[in-house]
């Protein structure tokens, strides 16, 4: 495991950070919009940010300003 991290850490660390950023933003928006199904889907599926980005672009409720 240590060899794997040493060998591929330069790729894994940025991907983990990328996923956490997008997942955090999407989970915040789901919670604020009371969209429980999307919250659970995003929380459980690790997709390198694809599912959270799709949610943020196409499925979040638009706020009225």
Protein backbone atom coordinates (compact mmCIF):
# COMPACT_ATOMS: atom_id res chain seq x y z
CA UNK A 1 0.00 0.00 0.00
CA UNK A 2 2.80 2.42 0.83
CA UNK A 3 4.46 1.70 -2.51
CA UNK A 4 1.16 2.33 -4.27
CA UNK A 5 0.70 5.70 -2.57
CA UNK A 6 4.31 6.67 -3.23
CA UNK A 7 3.98 5.64 -6.84
CA UNK A 8 0.56 7.15 -7.61
CA UNK A 9 0.13 9.75 -4.87
CA UNK A 10 0.76 12.62 -7.25
CA UNK A 11 -2.39 11.54 -9.12
CA UNK A 12 -4.53 10.32 -6.21
CA UNK A 13 -4.19 13.34 -3.94
CA UNK A 14 -5.45 15.91 -6.51
CA UNK A 15 -8.30 13.56 -7.51
CA UNK A 16 -9.38 13.17 -3.88
CA UNK A 17 -9.30 16.93 -3.36
CA UNK A 18 -11.26 17.45 -6.62
CA UNK A 19 -13.93 14.96 -5.50
CA UNK A 20 -14.24 16.47 -2.02
CA UNK A 21 -14.69 20.01 -3.34
CA UNK A 22 -17.44 19.10 -5.81
CA UNK A 23 -19.12 16.69 -3.41
CA UNK A 24 -19.11 19.30 -0.64
CA UNK A 25 -20.67 21.99 -2.83
CA UNK A 26 -23.32 19.64 -4.21
CA UNK A 27 -24.21 18.23 -0.77
CA UNK A 28 -24.57 21.76 0.58
CA UNK A 29 -26.94 22.71 -2.26
CA UNK A 30 -28.97 19.48 -1.89
CA UNK A 31 -29.38 20.06 1.82
CA UNK A 32 -30.43 23.66 1.36
CA UNK A 33 -32.96 22.66 -1.33
CA UNK A 34 -34.38 19.67 0.63
CA UNK A 35 -33.51 17.23 -2.16
CA UNK A 36 -32.96 14.09 -0.07
CA UNK A 37 -32.65 11.65 -3.01
CA UNK A 38 -29.86 13.65 -4.62
CA UNK A 39 -28.17 14.09 -1.25
CA UNK A 40 -28.03 10.32 -0.69
CA UNK A 41 -26.92 9.57 -4.28
CA UNK A 42 -24.08 12.10 -4.13
CA UNK A 43 -23.05 10.99 -0.66
CA UNK A 44 -22.83 7.29 -1.59
CA UNK A 45 -21.43 7.36 -5.14
CA UNK A 46 -17.78 8.25 -5.66
CA UNK A 47 -17.50 9.48 -9.22
CA UNK A 48 -14.54 11.90 -9.29
CA UNK A 49 -16.99 14.77 -9.20
CA UNK A 50 -19.12 13.74 -12.17
CA UNK A 51 -22.41 13.16 -10.28
CA UNK A 52 -22.06 16.37 -8.20
CA UNK A 53 -21.27 18.42 -11.31
CA UNK A 54 -24.27 16.97 -13.17
CA UNK A 55 -26.50 17.78 -10.21
CA UNK A 56 -25.15 21.33 -9.90
CA UNK A 57 -25.55 22.05 -13.61
CA UNK A 58 -28.90 20.43 -14.36
CA UNK A 59 -30.92 19.34 -11.30
CA UNK A 60 -30.52 21.82 -8.45
CA UNK A 61 -33.45 24.08 -7.75
CA UNK A 62 -32.83 27.55 -9.04
CA UNK A 63 -33.10 30.24 -6.40
CA UNK A 64 -35.28 33.26 -6.96
CA UNK A 65 -33.55 36.59 -6.59
